[in-house]
Amino acid sequence: MALALNMDIKLTPELRQLAVRVGIGAALMVGAVYLLAVMPLLEGRRLDREIAEQKGNLERQQRLMPALANLSLNADNATLDAFRPPKAEPVPRAQAYLITEQLGHMGTADGLEVLDVNLDPASMAADPNSIQVQGVFSGQLEGVRAFLLDLNQLPSLSQVDKVEIRAVEGRLEMMVQLRIALGG
């Protein structure tokens, strides 16, 4: 029994319109399946990853919390005063004239030529507990650096007002203006 199908299919405008409608319907079905099934699945996986990450962060913080609490209990009551430089040891007022000699010796020891060092007694009007000293030195970079480091170690140094360095005839010339603490 041979079955023969002799069908003549002609593409008519109605068949074309039906094919377009079936294609659009299939595309809408695929879009609906994606929106209703695939999107929530992908969003759920993303949220699961974020939840796991946050749980890990929380566990890490819970492990660190006892250590941080212990540190805060053992810490001294730190204030800004603990971070300030130590107070200057004042020079007796009767020996203030020796400061110029001391700075001159420091400059010479560091390989600098001392051009001028002097006290400014008028500066005591602004601050009676310190006196301004100005010095001009000349030398090489190594000596200037060493002098500034030694100056920083000076126990009676109250503050450095100004440091100017300029090149003069193959050497450096440095002018320093500072205040020295004075005591009884």
Protein backbone atom coordinates (compact mmCIF):
# COMPACT_ATOMS: atom_id res chain seq x y z
CA MET A 1 0.00 0.00 0.00
CA ALA A 2 1.80 2.87 -1.15
CA LEU A 3 0.56 6.10 0.07
CA ALA A 4 1.14 8.92 -2.21
CA LEU A 5 0.60 12.43 -1.19
CA ASN A 6 0.24 14.67 -4.05
CA MET A 7 -0.20 17.97 -2.39
CA ASP A 8 0.21 21.12 -4.24
CA ILE A 9 1.08 23.81 -1.76
CA LYS A 10 0.99 27.27 -3.09
CA LEU A 11 2.23 30.16 -1.05
CA THR A 12 -0.72 32.39 -0.79
CA PRO A 13 -0.93 35.66 1.13
CA GLU A 14 -2.98 33.92 3.81
CA LEU A 15 -0.31 31.24 4.31
CA ARG A 16 2.41 33.89 4.42
CA GLN A 17 0.43 35.83 7.03
CA LEU A 18 -0.07 32.63 9.05
CA ALA A 19 3.67 31.87 8.93
CA VAL A 20 4.49 35.37 10.17
CA ARG A 21 1.96 35.02 12.98
CA VAL A 22 3.36 31.64 14.00
CA GLY A 23 6.92 33.08 13.94
CA ILE A 24 5.92 36.07 16.06
CA GLY A 25 4.04 33.78 18.45
CA ALA A 26 7.08 31.49 18.78
CA ALA A 27 9.36 34.50 19.42
CA LEU A 28 6.95 35.77 22.07
CA MET A 29 6.88 32.34 23.70
CA VAL A 30 10.69 32.18 23.79
CA GLY A 31 10.81 35.72 25.24
CA ALA A 32 8.21 34.83 27.87
CA VAL A 33 10.09 31.68 28.88
CA TYR A 34 13.30 33.71 29.17
CA LEU A 35 11.63 36.41 31.27
CA LEU A 36 9.69 34.02 33.47
CA ALA A 37 12.22 31.23 33.94
CA VAL A 38 15.78 32.15 32.95
CA MET A 39 15.98 35.72 34.32
CA PRO A 40 14.88 34.77 37.85
CA LEU A 41 17.33 31.87 37.81
CA LEU A 42 20.25 34.15 36.84
CA GLU A 43 19.19 36.81 39.35
CA GLY A 44 18.93 34.16 42.07
CA ARG A 45 22.48 32.96 41.38
CA ARG A 46 23.80 36.53 41.50
CA LEU A 47 22.04 37.16 44.81
CA ASP A 48 23.39 33.87 46.22
CA ARG A 49 26.96 34.99 45.35
CA GLU A 50 26.41 38.38 47.02
CA ILE A 51 24.93 36.74 50.13
CA ALA A 52 27.89 34.36 50.39
CA GLU A 53 30.31 37.29 50.04
CA GLN A 54 28.51 39.28 52.75
CA LYS A 55 28.47 36.25 55.07
CA GLY A 56 32.22 35.89 54.57
CA ASN A 57 32.72 39.58 55.41
CA LEU A 58 30.55 39.24 58.49
CA GLU A 59 32.45 36.17 59.71
CA ARG A 60 35.76 37.99 59.19
CA GLN A 61 34.51 40.98 61.19
CA GLN A 62 33.24 38.71 63.96
CA ARG A 63 36.68 37.07 64.18
CA LEU A 64 38.40 40.48 64.34
CA MET A 65 35.99 42.07 66.83
CA PRO A 66 37.46 40.46 69.98
CA ALA A 67 40.97 41.48 68.92
CA LEU A 68 39.87 45.07 68.25
CA ALA A 69 38.02 45.22 71.56
CA ASN A 70 41.14 43.95 73.33
CA LEU A 71 43.27 46.60 71.63
CA SER A 72 40.92 49.39 72.62
CA LEU A 73 40.90 48.21 76.24
CA ASN A 74 44.69 48.01 76.41
CA ALA A 75 45.30 51.32 74.66
CA ASP A 76 46.23 54.26 76.80
CA ASN A 77 44.04 57.29 76.58
CA ALA A 78 45.89 58.71 73.59
CA THR A 79 45.47 62.40 72.96
CA LEU A 80 47.06 64.80 70.52
CA ASP A 81 49.63 65.73 73.19
CA ALA A 82 51.19 62.29 72.76
CA PHE A 83 51.93 63.07 69.12
CA ARG A 84 53.41 66.53 69.61
CA PRO A 85 57.17 66.99 69.67
CA PRO A 86 58.75 67.20 73.10
CA LYS A 87 58.85 70.61 74.70
CA ALA A 88 62.06 72.54 74.33
CA GLU A 89 64.52 72.60 77.22
CA PRO A 90 64.93 76.30 77.89
CA VAL A 91 68.31 78.00 77.99
CA PRO A 92 68.85 80.18 81.08
CA ARG A 93 68.37 83.84 80.13
CA ALA A 94 71.79 84.73 81.51
CA GLN A 95 73.40 82.31 79.01
CA ALA A 96 71.38 83.35 75.93
CA TYR A 97 74.47 84.99 74.41
CA LEU A 98 76.12 81.55 74.19
CA ILE A 99 73.55 80.40 71.62
CA THR A 100 75.35 82.24 68.84
CA GLU A 101 78.61 80.48 69.71
CA GLN A 102 76.85 77.13 69.90
CA LEU A 103 75.29 77.55 66.43
CA GLY A 104 78.64 78.73 65.05
CA HIS A 105 80.39 75.65 66.42
CA MET A 106 77.66 73.40 65.01
CA GLY A 107 78.06 74.96 61.56
CA THR A 108 81.85 74.64 61.64
CA ALA A 109 81.63 71.02 62.83
CA ASP A 110 79.34 70.23 59.89
CA GLY A 111 81.81 71.74 57.40
CA LEU A 112 80.03 75.05 56.88
CA GLU A 113 81.54 78.51 56.86
CA VAL A 114 79.78 80.70 59.40
CA LEU A 115 79.03 84.05 57.75
CA ASP A 116 76.86 85.58 60.49
CA VAL A 117 74.99 84.48 63.63
CA ASN A 118 73.15 86.97 65.84
CA LEU A 119 70.41 87.28 68.43
CA ASP A 120 67.39 89.54 68.06
CA PRO A 121 66.50 90.79 71.57
CA ALA A 122 63.55 92.76 70.11
CA SER A 123 61.88 89.43 69.26
CA MET A 124 61.30 88.86 72.98
CA ALA A 125 58.54 91.48 72.82
CA ALA A 126 56.39 89.09 70.80
CA ASP A 127 57.23 86.04 72.95
CA PRO A 128 59.07 86.66 76.24
CA ASN A 129 59.84 82.95 76.66
CA SER A 130 61.95 82.68 73.50
CA ILE A 131 64.48 84.64 71.53
CA GLN A 132 64.98 84.75 67.79
CA VAL A 133 68.34 83.72 66.36
CA GLN A 134 69.39 84.28 62.77
CA GLY A 135 72.36 82.66 61.11
CA VAL A 136 73.88 82.66 57.64
CA PHE A 137 76.09 79.74 56.64
CA SER A 138 77.87 78.72 53.44
CA GLY A 139 79.04 75.31 52.28
CA GLN A 140 78.24 72.17 50.34
CA LEU A 141 74.98 70.23 50.32
CA GLU A 142 76.26 67.56 52.73
CA GLY A 143 77.18 70.19 55.30
CA VAL A 144 73.85 71.98 54.95
CA ARG A 145 72.00 68.69 55.42
CA ALA A 146 74.10 67.72 58.45
CA PHE A 147 73.59 71.17 60.00
CA LEU A 148 69.81 70.96 59.60
CA LEU A 149 69.79 67.50 61.17
CA ASP A 150 71.93 68.75 64.08
CA LEU A 151 69.69 71.79 64.43
CA ASN A 152 66.69 69.47 64.77
CA GLN A 153 68.43 67.75 67.70
CA LEU A 154 69.05 71.04 69.52
CA PRO A 155 67.25 70.61 72.87
CA SER A 156 66.45 74.30 73.31
CA LEU A 157 64.94 74.72 69.81
CA SER A 158 61.43 76.11 70.15
CA GLN A 159 60.56 76.54 66.47
CA VAL A 160 62.13 77.12 63.07
CA ASP A 161 60.70 80.26 61.50
CA LYS A 162 62.50 80.24 58.18
CA VAL A 163 65.12 78.36 56.19
CA GLU A 164 66.31 79.79 52.88
CA ILE A 165 68.88 78.04 50.72
CA ARG A 166 70.31 79.46 47.52
CA ALA A 167 73.22 78.65 45.24
CA VAL A 168 76.05 81.19 45.28
CA GLU A 169 79.27 80.69 43.29
CA GLY A 170 79.23 76.89 43.33
CA ARG A 171 78.28 76.67 46.99
CA LEU A 172 75.07 76.80 48.95
CA GLU A 173 74.25 79.72 51.18
CA MET A 174 71.70 79.04 53.89
CA MET A 175 69.89 81.51 56.11
CA VAL A 176 68.17 80.09 59.17
CA GLN A 177 65.80 81.96 61.44
CA LEU A 178 64.69 80.14 64.57
CA ARG A 179 63.48 80.65 68.10
CA ILE A 180 65.26 79.30 71.16
CA ALA A 181 63.33 78.68 74.39
CA LEU A 182 64.45 80.79 77.36
CA GLY A 183 64.04 79.93 81.01
CA GLY A 184 64.64 81.47 84.42
